[in-house]
Amino acid sequence: MAPLRLSMSSPLFFLFFSFSLFGGSAPTDLASDRAALLAFRAAVRGATLRWNTSDPSPCSWDGVTCSDSRVTELRLPGADLVGRIPPGTVGNLTALTALSLRYNLLFGTLPQDFTALAGLQLLHVQNNRFSGEIPPSIFALRQLVRLNLEGNLFHGLIPQDFNNLISIYALLLDRNRLSGEIPDLRLTNLFKFNVSFNYLKGQIPSSLRRMPASSFVGNSLCGGPLAACPSENSMPAALSPLGSTRNSIRPIERKNLSPGEIAGIAIGASVGFLILLLLMVLWFRVREEGEGKSKELRKLKPEAEMGQRGKRDAQNKKAELPSVAVVPFPVSIGVDGVGQKLVFTGKVQRIYDLEDLLRATAEVLGKGTTGTTYKAMLEMGTAVAVKRLRDVNLPEKEFSERMDAIGAMDHPNLVALQAYYYSKDEKLLVYEVVPNGSLSGLLHGELSFPSIRCLKRCQAWVLTSAVAGNKASGRTPLDWETRLEMLAQNR
């Protein structure tokens, strides 16, 4: 058979040329979206490993939404994703309208091929580890309505190119490392704006002064909702020349005061003097009452004074620590902690792991010199006390040996150490929760429950004293003789 020859003027050559020109690019269909998602899964893993890859359609996978045979939404918040977003993955989902990858451990920067997401309206990547300057690929997303980059490590200046996002409604850049001045953003649809807790300085632009003060705190900014800038407080010299001041004074010096004006000045001065006298009398009375209370306190017995001090400390702690503020557990294991696990001590049942602890809701119990203690409520309903240590610079081996020694201690008067976690950035101690007050409250009469952990020989006293007191709290604090007996008996 003779070989097929194609001339440039033949119709077959034209069809071949058209296929080569238009058919050689990557297909934009559900199969190409599935391939992009599988490449993304291989790079960041996490919850995406639960996707059923045997299913030819990705529309049934967790976090994936489809419309018209295309992937239109990818929502994977808090999905334990770790790593970089490589090119050719999310950037190939060209029909995306919503992308939410918040509360993960993604780092690096956003790929340049994000410019292909022309229809993207929502981009949430807050609370990750993205770094570098704000990616220029974002400014090509003209349909963006909500952009949230807070809680990352972005640095550098805030680009003027944000003005390209003409449809933006919410722009959140807080808790990064941005520096320089805020550019003049003329975004008519902008309703929510936040750049707090960065390294910004200078004046707040007039176009953004309608935003609340909380949008700018934690920087070196002035003007608008914050304090006025020094340049705004100073009066231009041209407004008060020396010559004009002299000219304005001369007519006043020549004018004589009328009797009515003199009487008005005298009455105003008398009223001002009476008000000043009244304020002085009130101040002396308050001072005398304060001195009387201090004399009464000095006359109190030592144990009564200790009880008063215990009440003040308890009230201060209640005022400082929000008892009902429940928030996600504020611990990030960081990139260097990836792969680390909780180490359990003693005979504690291993019914939870580090991931369960990080997903728990937390309530602050107290703060001390060595760290902060939280009450963490796990999803399974179990409550544990977590001590988040600070300023502990021990090698991992020595830290583990000390924790194993503490975990081996078994005594009814000690709270058992259940587990610990060690990484370069975070060191956590996990204890069982003791919900019924403290030893300070027992000693000073501030307990609301008698059944706390106490020394065995004082348990009967606690139960009897719980109903015998006549103070406002309903309990009588221990006197010093009883305290010394308890100390001598338990040595």
Protein backbone atom coordinates (compact mmCIF):
# COMPACT_ATOMS: atom_id res chain seq x y z
CA MET A 1 0.00 0.00 0.00
CA ALA A 2 1.32 3.43 -0.91
CA PRO A 3 2.01 5.75 2.05
CA LEU A 4 -0.59 8.39 2.81
CA ARG A 5 0.53 11.83 1.70
CA LEU A 6 -1.09 15.00 3.08
CA SER A 7 -0.95 18.22 1.16
CA MET A 8 -1.46 21.56 2.91
CA SER A 9 -4.50 22.19 0.76
CA SER A 10 -6.27 18.90 1.50
CA PRO A 11 -9.23 18.76 3.98
CA LEU A 12 -7.60 15.84 5.81
CA PHE A 13 -4.55 17.95 6.60
CA PHE A 14 -6.81 20.71 7.99
CA LEU A 15 -8.56 18.23 10.31
CA PHE A 16 -5.23 16.81 11.49
CA PHE A 17 -3.90 20.32 12.19
CA SER A 18 -7.04 21.30 14.15
CA PHE A 19 -6.82 18.19 16.35
CA SER A 20 -3.15 18.82 17.06
CA LEU A 21 -3.87 22.44 18.01
CA PHE A 22 -6.99 22.01 20.16
CA GLY A 23 -7.02 18.38 21.19
CA GLY A 24 -3.52 18.19 22.64
CA SER A 25 -4.31 20.17 25.85
CA ALA A 26 -5.40 18.55 29.13
CA PRO A 27 -9.12 17.65 29.09
CA THR A 28 -11.37 19.72 31.32
CA ASP A 29 -13.80 17.06 32.48
CA LEU A 30 -14.55 15.00 35.57
CA ALA A 31 -11.80 12.51 34.74
CA SER A 32 -9.16 15.26 34.74
CA ASP A 33 -10.59 16.59 38.05
CA ARG A 34 -10.30 13.08 39.53
CA ALA A 35 -6.66 12.84 38.43
CA ALA A 36 -5.89 16.24 39.99
CA LEU A 37 -7.51 15.20 43.29
CA LEU A 38 -5.52 11.94 43.38
CA ALA A 39 -2.28 13.89 42.84
CA PHE A 40 -3.30 16.25 45.67
CA ARG A 41 -4.07 13.22 47.90
CA ALA A 42 -0.62 11.74 47.28
CA ALA A 43 1.02 15.06 48.30
CA VAL A 44 -0.84 15.94 51.52
CA ARG A 45 -2.46 12.64 52.65
CA GLY A 46 -4.45 13.09 55.91
CA ALA A 47 -8.21 12.58 55.64
CA THR A 48 -7.93 12.22 51.86
CA LEU A 49 -6.61 8.69 52.42
CA ARG A 50 -10.19 7.68 53.23
CA TRP A 51 -11.31 8.47 49.68
CA ASN A 52 -12.56 5.42 47.79
CA THR A 53 -10.16 5.56 44.85
CA SER A 54 -11.85 2.56 43.23
CA ASP A 55 -14.87 4.76 42.53
CA PRO A 56 -14.49 6.27 39.02
CA SER A 57 -16.34 9.42 40.15
CA PRO A 58 -14.81 11.70 42.84
CA CYS A 59 -18.17 13.33 43.60
CA SER A 60 -18.86 10.90 46.49
CA TRP A 61 -15.53 11.58 48.23
CA ASP A 62 -15.54 13.46 51.54
CA GLY A 63 -15.21 17.22 51.07
CA VAL A 64 -15.78 17.10 47.28
CA THR A 65 -18.86 18.70 45.66
CA CYS A 66 -19.69 18.41 41.97
CA SER A 67 -21.98 20.23 39.58
CA ASP A 68 -22.50 19.67 35.85
CA SER A 69 -19.92 16.84 35.83
CA ARG A 70 -17.16 19.05 37.30
CA VAL A 71 -15.68 19.44 40.79
CA THR A 72 -16.90 22.84 42.03
CA GLU A 73 -16.07 22.75 45.78
CA LEU A 74 -13.22 21.24 47.82
CA ARG A 75 -13.67 21.63 51.58
CA LEU A 76 -11.18 19.82 53.87
CA PRO A 77 -10.98 21.88 57.14
CA GLY A 78 -9.05 20.25 59.98
CA ALA A 79 -8.33 17.17 57.85
CA ASP A 80 -4.73 16.57 59.08
CA LEU A 81 -3.28 17.60 55.72
CA VAL A 82 0.52 17.95 55.87
CA GLY A 83 2.90 19.18 53.17
CA ARG A 84 3.05 21.49 50.17
CA ILE A 85 0.40 21.96 47.50
CA PRO A 86 2.24 20.98 44.30
CA PRO A 87 1.42 22.47 40.89
CA GLY A 88 -0.91 20.44 38.70
CA THR A 89 -3.22 19.46 41.58
CA VAL A 90 -5.69 21.99 42.95
CA GLY A 91 -4.77 24.41 40.15
CA ASN A 92 -6.20 21.94 37.61
CA LEU A 93 -9.68 22.06 39.20
CA THR A 94 -10.62 24.90 36.89
CA ALA A 95 -14.34 24.82 37.78
CA LEU A 96 -13.77 25.42 41.51
CA THR A 97 -15.89 28.09 43.20
CA ALA A 98 -14.98 27.31 46.84
CA LEU A 99 -11.69 26.05 48.37
CA SER A 100 -11.36 25.57 52.14
CA LEU A 101 -8.15 24.04 53.53
CA ARG A 102 -8.16 25.79 56.93
CA TYR A 103 -6.76 24.34 60.19
CA ASN A 104 -4.21 21.98 58.63
CA LEU A 105 -0.40 21.82 58.46
CA LEU A 106 0.15 22.94 54.89
CA PHE A 107 3.30 24.96 54.27
CA GLY A 108 5.24 26.59 51.43
CA THR A 109 3.21 28.93 49.22
CA LEU A 110 0.21 28.75 46.90
CA PRO A 111 1.16 27.46 43.41
CA GLN A 112 1.28 29.83 40.46
CA ASP A 113 -1.30 27.73 38.57
CA PHE A 114 -3.99 29.03 40.97
CA THR A 115 -4.44 31.72 38.32
CA ALA A 116 -6.47 29.12 36.38
CA LEU A 117 -9.19 29.18 39.07
CA ALA A 118 -10.96 32.06 37.40
CA GLY A 119 -14.36 31.30 38.97
CA LEU A 120 -13.11 30.91 42.56
CA GLN A 121 -15.25 32.93 44.99
CA LEU A 122 -14.16 31.59 48.41
CA LEU A 123 -10.56 30.85 49.45
CA HIS A 124 -10.00 29.86 53.10
CA VAL A 125 -6.44 28.73 54.01
CA GLN A 126 -6.21 30.23 57.51
CA ASN A 127 -4.32 28.60 60.40
CA ASN A 128 -1.74 26.72 58.33
CA ARG A 129 2.01 27.28 57.90
CA PHE A 130 2.08 29.05 54.54
CA SER A 131 5.05 31.44 54.26
CA GLY A 132 6.77 33.86 51.91
CA GLU A 133 5.21 36.96 50.40
CA ILE A 134 1.51 37.01 49.54
CA PRO A 135 1.29 34.92 46.32
CA PRO A 136 0.70 37.05 43.20
CA SER A 137 -1.52 34.30 41.77
CA ILE A 138 -4.27 35.48 44.16
CA PHE A 139 -4.63 38.81 42.38
CA ALA A 140 -5.79 37.08 39.18
CA LEU A 141 -8.89 35.71 40.98
CA ARG A 142 -11.23 38.56 40.06
CA GLN A 143 -14.35 36.71 41.29
CA LEU A 144 -13.10 36.31 44.90
CA VAL A 145 -15.65 37.32 47.53
CA ARG A 146 -13.97 35.96 50.70
CA LEU A 147 -10.19 35.64 51.17
CA ASN A 148 -8.88 34.40 54.53
CA LEU A 149 -5.08 34.12 54.99
CA GLU A 150 -4.97 34.67 58.77
CA GLY A 151 -2.80 32.65 61.15
CA ASN A 152 0.02 31.87 58.68
CA LEU A 153 3.62 33.06 58.25
CA PHE A 154 3.24 35.42 55.28
CA HIS A 155 5.71 38.34 55.38
CA GLY A 156 6.59 41.40 53.33
CA LEU A 157 4.40 44.30 52.23
CA ILE A 158 0.65 44.27 51.60
CA PRO A 159 0.48 44.60 47.80
CA GLN A 160 -1.46 47.39 46.13
CA ASP A 161 -2.70 44.69 43.72
CA PHE A 162 -5.47 43.81 46.18
CA ASN A 163 -7.37 46.57 44.37
CA ASN A 164 -7.75 44.08 41.49
CA LEU A 165 -10.19 42.06 43.62
CA ILE A 166 -13.15 44.29 42.86
CA SER A 167 -15.73 41.81 44.23
CA ILE A 168 -14.00 41.17 47.57
CA TYR A 169 -16.29 41.31 50.60
CA ALA A 170 -14.01 39.96 53.36
CA LEU A 171 -10.20 40.30 53.42
CA LEU A 172 -8.57 38.77 56.53
CA LEU A 173 -4.76 39.01 56.87
CA ASP A 174 -4.36 39.06 60.67
CA ARG A 175 -1.78 37.09 62.70
CA ASN A 176 0.93 37.00 60.03
CA ARG A 177 4.28 38.80 59.72
CA LEU A 178 3.34 41.53 57.27
CA SER A 179 5.28 44.81 57.53
CA GLY A 180 5.35 48.32 56.08
CA GLU A 181 2.33 50.57 55.61
CA ILE A 182 -1.23 49.66 54.65
CA PRO A 183 -1.87 50.63 51.02
CA ASP A 184 -4.87 52.72 50.01
CA LEU A 185 -7.41 50.00 49.14
CA ARG A 186 -10.34 51.40 47.17
CA LEU A 187 -12.62 48.36 47.43
CA THR A 188 -16.23 49.50 47.42
CA ASN A 189 -17.66 46.10 48.43
CA LEU A 190 -15.21 45.50 51.31
CA PHE A 191 -17.13 44.96 54.55
CA LYS A 192 -14.77 42.87 56.72
CA PHE A 193 -11.06 43.76 56.93
CA ASN A 194 -8.48 42.64 59.49
CA VAL A 195 -4.69 43.13 59.63
CA SER A 196 -4.27 42.91 63.41
CA PHE A 197 -1.17 41.43 65.04
CA ASN A 198 1.34 42.01 62.25
CA TYR A 199 4.32 44.39 62.02
CA LEU A 200 2.57 47.24 60.22
CA LYS A 201 3.24 50.94 60.88
CA GLY A 202 2.15 54.38 59.75
CA GLN A 203 -1.27 55.92 59.21
CA ILE A 204 -4.44 54.01 58.46
CA PRO A 205 -5.63 55.03 54.97
CA SER A 206 -8.78 57.11 54.83
CA SER A 207 -10.52 54.43 52.75
CA LEU A 208 -10.22 51.95 55.65
CA ARG A 209 -10.96 54.20 58.64
CA ARG A 210 -14.56 53.02 58.72
CA MET A 211 -13.35 49.62 60.01
CA PRO A 212 -13.38 48.90 63.80
CA ALA A 213 -10.27 49.35 65.96
CA SER A 214 -9.99 45.57 66.43
CA SER A 215 -9.02 45.31 62.76
CA PHE A 216 -5.73 47.16 63.40
CA VAL A 217 -4.57 46.31 66.96
CA GLY A 218 -1.20 44.65 67.56
CA ASN A 219 0.65 46.96 65.12
CA SER A 220 2.29 50.41 65.20
CA LEU A 221 -0.58 52.16 63.44
CA CYS A 222 -2.36 55.43 64.15
CA GLY A 223 -5.31 57.43 62.91
CA GLY A 224 -8.90 56.51 62.21
CA PRO A 225 -10.38 54.28 64.96
CA LEU A 226 -7.00 54.28 66.79
CA ALA A 227 -5.20 57.17 68.47
CA ALA A 228 -4.52 60.22 66.32
CA CYS A 229 -1.15 60.42 64.59
CA PRO A 230 1.36 63.07 65.82
CA SER A 231 1.07 64.92 62.49
CA GLU A 232 -2.71 65.20 63.00
CA ASN A 233 -2.34 66.74 66.50
CA SER A 234 0.09 69.50 65.50
CA MET A 235 -1.44 72.79 64.33
CA PRO A 236 0.05 74.33 61.16
CA ALA A 237 1.96 77.52 61.83
CA ALA A 238 0.11 79.33 59.06
CA LEU A 239 -3.12 79.15 61.02
CA SER A 240 -1.79 81.12 64.00
CA PRO A 241 0.75 83.74 62.86
CA LEU A 242 2.12 86.08 65.48
CA GLY A 243 0.87 89.19 63.73
CA SER A 244 -2.73 88.03 63.53
CA THR A 245 -2.65 87.08 67.24
CA ARG A 246 -1.57 90.56 68.20
CA ASN A 247 -4.21 92.14 66.00
CA SER A 248 -6.93 89.99 67.59
CA ILE A 249 -5.85 90.89 71.11
CA ARG A 250 -5.82 94.66 70.68
CA PRO A 251 -9.59 95.14 70.34
CA ILE A 252 -10.18 93.02 73.46
CA GLU A 253 -7.76 95.12 75.50
CA ARG A 254 -9.57 98.30 74.53
CA LYS A 255 -13.05 96.98 75.35
CA ASN A 256 -14.40 97.50 78.91
CA LEU A 257 -16.44 94.75 80.63
CA SER A 258 -20.08 95.51 81.36
CA PRO A 259 -21.51 95.02 84.89
CA GLY A 260 -23.44 91.94 83.69
CA GLU A 261 -20.26 90.31 82.37
CA ILE A 262 -18.45 91.02 85.64
CA ALA A 263 -21.31 89.47 87.66
CA GLY A 264 -21.30 86.39 85.41
CA ILE A 265 -17.57 85.89 85.91
CA ALA A 266 -17.93 86.22 89.69
CA ILE A 267 -20.81 83.71 89.86
CA GLY A 268 -18.90 81.20 87.68
CA ALA A 269 -15.81 81.50 89.88
CA SER A 270 -17.90 80.96 93.05
CA VAL A 271 -19.58 77.85 91.63
CA GLY A 272 -16.22 76.43 90.55
CA PHE A 273 -14.78 77.02 94.04
CA LEU A 274 -17.74 75.25 95.69
CA ILE A 275 -17.39 72.23 93.40
CA LEU A 276 -13.66 72.03 94.17
CA LEU A 277 -14.37 72.24 97.91
CA LEU A 278 -16.96 69.45 97.67
CA LEU A 279 -14.54 67.19 95.83
CA MET A 280 -11.90 67.74 98.49
CA VAL A 281 -14.35 66.82 101.27
CA LEU A 282 -15.34 63.62 99.47
CA TRP A 283 -11.69 62.71 98.93
CA PHE A 284 -10.86 63.12 102.64
CA ARG A 285 -13.86 60.98 103.65
CA VAL A 286 -12.87 58.16 101.32
CA ARG A 287 -9.31 58.33 102.62
CA GLU A 288 -10.45 58.13 106.25
CA GLU A 289 -12.66 55.12 105.51
CA GLY A 290 -9.73 53.37 103.82
CA GLU A 291 -7.46 54.01 106.80
CA GLY A 292 -10.15 52.67 109.18
CA LYS A 293 -10.45 49.43 107.20
CA SER A 294 -6.67 48.97 107.14
CA LYS A 295 -6.55 49.38 110.95
CA GLU A 296 -9.27 46.75 111.36
CA LEU A 297 -7.39 44.34 109.12
CA ARG A 298 -4.21 44.80 111.18
CA LYS A 299 -6.17 43.81 114.30
CA LEU A 300 -7.34 40.50 112.82
CA LYS A 301 -5.77 37.27 114.01
CA PRO A 302 -3.28 35.56 111.63
CA GLU A 303 -5.71 32.77 110.68
CA ALA A 304 -8.53 35.24 109.95
CA GLU A 305 -6.17 37.35 107.84
CA MET A 306 -5.13 34.24 105.93
CA GLY A 307 -8.79 33.44 105.28
CA GLN A 308 -9.39 36.96 103.95
CA ARG A 309 -6.37 36.63 101.66
CA GLY A 310 -7.63 33.27 100.39
CA LYS A 311 -10.99 34.83 99.52
CA ARG A 312 -9.31 37.66 97.60
CA ASP A 313 -7.10 35.22 95.68
CA ALA A 314 -10.09 33.05 94.77
CA GLN A 315 -12.05 36.08 93.56
CA ASN A 316 -9.08 37.28 91.49
CA LYS A 317 -8.70 33.87 89.88
CA LYS A 318 -12.39 33.76 89.04
CA ALA A 319 -12.09 37.19 87.45
CA GLU A 320 -8.98 36.27 85.46
CA LEU A 321 -9.99 32.80 84.21
CA PRO A 322 -13.09 32.50 82.04
CA SER A 323 -14.89 29.45 83.33
CA VAL A 324 -17.19 29.06 80.35
CA ALA A 325 -14.89 29.98 77.44
CA VAL A 326 -14.64 26.80 75.39
CA VAL A 327 -12.40 27.05 72.33
CA PRO A 328 -10.51 24.62 70.08
CA PHE A 329 -7.43 23.27 71.84
CA PRO A 330 -4.81 26.03 71.18
CA VAL A 331 -1.84 23.74 70.41
CA SER A 332 -0.12 23.29 67.05
CA ILE A 333 2.42 20.48 66.81
CA GLY A 334 4.37 22.27 64.07
CA VAL A 335 6.27 20.72 61.18
CA ASP A 336 8.99 19.30 63.43
CA GLY A 337 6.35 17.45 65.50
CA VAL A 338 4.88 15.54 62.57
CA GLY A 339 5.07 11.84 63.34
CA GLN A 340 5.33 12.32 67.10
CA LYS A 341 2.80 10.55 69.31
CA LEU A 342 1.53 10.68 72.86
CA VAL A 343 3.64 8.57 75.23
CA PHE A 344 1.47 6.93 77.90
CA THR A 345 2.85 6.15 81.35
CA GLY A 346 1.95 3.61 84.00
CA LYS A 347 -1.10 1.41 83.48
CA VAL A 348 -3.26 4.04 81.74
CA GLN A 349 -5.56 2.67 79.02
CA ARG A 350 -4.65 4.08 75.59
CA ILE A 351 -8.13 5.11 74.56
CA TYR A 352 -7.12 8.36 72.78
CA ASP A 353 -4.21 9.64 70.74
CA LEU A 354 -2.60 12.95 69.80
CA GLU A 355 -5.11 13.64 67.02
CA ASP A 356 -8.02 13.24 69.46
CA LEU A 357 -6.30 15.68 71.84
CA LEU A 358 -5.74 18.32 69.14
CA ARG A 359 -9.39 18.13 68.03
CA ALA A 360 -10.70 18.54 71.60
CA THR A 361 -12.35 21.69 72.91
CA ALA A 362 -10.35 23.42 75.64
CA GLU A 363 -11.15 25.49 78.72
CA VAL A 364 -8.44 27.40 80.61
CA LEU A 365 -8.12 26.16 84.20
CA GLY A 366 -5.13 28.16 85.36
CA LYS A 367 -1.83 29.81 84.49
CA GLY A 368 1.48 29.48 86.32
CA THR A 369 5.19 30.13 85.94
CA THR A 370 5.76 26.81 84.14
CA GLY A 371 2.83 27.00 81.73
CA THR A 372 -0.94 26.98 81.23
CA THR A 373 -3.36 24.23 82.25
CA TYR A 374 -6.43 23.40 80.13
CA LYS A 375 -9.41 21.14 80.57
CA ALA A 376 -9.71 19.32 77.25
CA MET A 377 -13.00 17.60 76.37
CA LEU A 378 -12.36 14.81 73.86
CA GLU A 379 -14.90 13.92 71.18
CA MET A 380 -15.53 10.57 72.91
CA GLY A 381 -16.76 12.44 76.02
CA THR A 382 -13.64 11.94 78.17
CA ALA A 383 -12.15 14.97 79.97
CA VAL A 384 -8.42 15.33 80.69
CA ALA A 385 -6.24 18.08 82.12
CA VAL A 386 -3.44 19.20 79.79
CA LYS A 387 -0.44 21.17 81.06
CA ARG A 388 1.23 23.11 78.25
CA LEU A 389 4.80 23.71 79.42
CA ARG A 390 6.88 26.73 78.47
CA ASP A 391 10.61 27.54 78.79
CA VAL A 392 11.53 23.84 79.14
CA ASN A 393 14.81 23.21 77.30
CA LEU A 394 15.57 19.58 78.10
CA PRO A 395 16.79 16.96 75.61
CA GLU A 396 14.12 14.48 74.61
CA LYS A 397 15.84 11.58 76.39
CA GLU A 398 16.16 13.41 79.72
CA PHE A 399 12.60 14.75 79.42
CA SER A 400 11.26 11.22 78.80
CA GLU A 401 13.19 9.80 81.78
CA ARG A 402 11.73 12.41 84.11
CA MET A 403 8.21 11.88 82.81
CA ASP A 404 8.54 8.09 83.23
CA ALA A 405 9.68 8.62 86.82
CA ILE A 406 6.69 10.85 87.55
CA GLY A 407 4.31 8.44 85.84
CA ALA A 408 5.61 5.57 87.98
CA MET A 409 4.55 7.34 91.18
CA ASP A 410 1.39 5.83 92.65
CA HIS A 411 -0.06 7.60 95.69
CA PRO A 412 -3.67 8.53 96.59
CA ASN A 413 -2.62 12.15 97.20
CA LEU A 414 -1.04 12.58 93.75
CA VAL A 415 -2.82 13.25 90.48
CA ALA A 416 -1.73 10.52 88.07
CA LEU A 417 0.24 11.48 84.94
CA GLN A 418 -1.47 9.68 82.03
CA ALA A 419 0.69 10.69 79.06
CA TYR A 420 3.10 13.26 77.71
CA TYR A 421 4.14 14.69 74.35
CA TYR A 422 7.55 16.04 73.34
CA SER A 423 8.61 18.07 70.31
CA LYS A 424 10.87 21.03 69.73
CA ASP A 425 8.03 23.55 69.93
CA GLU A 426 5.52 21.86 72.25
CA LYS A 427 5.73 19.89 75.50
CA LEU A 428 2.45 18.64 76.95
CA LEU A 429 1.57 16.73 80.13
CA VAL A 430 -1.80 14.94 80.27
CA TYR A 431 -3.36 14.32 83.70
CA GLU A 432 -6.67 13.04 84.95
CA VAL A 433 -9.14 15.81 85.79
CA VAL A 434 -9.71 16.65 89.49
CA PRO A 435 -12.91 18.73 89.32
CA ASN A 436 -13.65 19.55 92.96
CA GLY A 437 -11.62 22.58 93.93
CA SER A 438 -8.09 22.99 95.30
CA LEU A 439 -6.06 22.63 98.51
CA SER A 440 -6.00 26.43 98.84
CA GLY A 441 -9.79 26.47 98.96
CA LEU A 442 -9.83 23.77 101.67
CA LEU A 443 -7.39 25.66 103.88
CA HIS A 444 -9.10 29.05 103.50
CA GLY A 445 -12.78 28.08 103.48
CA GLU A 446 -13.46 28.71 99.77
CA LEU A 447 -14.56 25.17 98.78
CA SER A 448 -17.93 24.54 97.20
CA PHE A 449 -17.45 20.74 97.38
CA PRO A 450 -16.07 18.81 100.36
CA SER A 451 -15.05 15.74 98.34
CA ILE A 452 -11.65 16.81 97.00
CA ARG A 453 -8.46 14.85 97.18
CA CYS A 454 -7.10 15.47 100.61
CA LEU A 455 -4.94 13.75 103.15
CA LYS A 456 -6.57 10.60 104.48
CA ARG A 457 -6.52 11.76 108.09
CA CYS A 458 -8.38 15.02 107.25
CA GLN A 459 -11.25 13.54 105.24
CA ALA A 460 -13.54 13.15 108.27
CA TRP A 461 -12.83 16.75 109.30
CA VAL A 462 -13.80 18.01 105.83
CA LEU A 463 -17.16 16.21 105.95
CA THR A 464 -18.04 17.53 109.41
CA SER A 465 -16.82 21.09 108.80
CA ALA A 466 -18.85 21.33 105.58
CA VAL A 467 -22.05 21.91 107.60
CA ALA A 468 -20.71 23.47 110.79
CA GLY A 469 -19.44 26.87 109.54
CA ASN A 470 -21.16 30.19 110.00
CA LYS A 471 -19.34 32.26 107.40
CA ALA A 472 -20.79 33.55 104.16
CA SER A 473 -19.39 30.57 102.24
CA GLY A 474 -20.85 28.13 104.82
CA ARG A 475 -17.51 26.66 105.92
CA THR A 476 -14.95 27.32 108.66
CA PRO A 477 -11.29 27.49 107.58
CA LEU A 478 -8.71 25.33 109.34
CA ASP A 479 -7.02 27.01 112.29
CA TRP A 480 -3.24 26.92 112.62
CA GLU A 481 -3.23 24.25 115.34
CA THR A 482 -5.12 21.80 113.11
CA ARG A 483 -2.83 22.57 110.17
CA LEU A 484 0.29 21.81 112.23
CA GLU A 485 -1.24 18.53 113.46
CA MET A 486 -1.98 17.48 109.91
CA LEU A 487 1.57 18.32 108.84
CA ALA A 488 3.07 16.32 111.73
CA GLN A 489 0.83 13.26 111.16
CA ASN A 490 1.57 12.99 107.42
CA ARG A 491 5.34 13.28 107.49
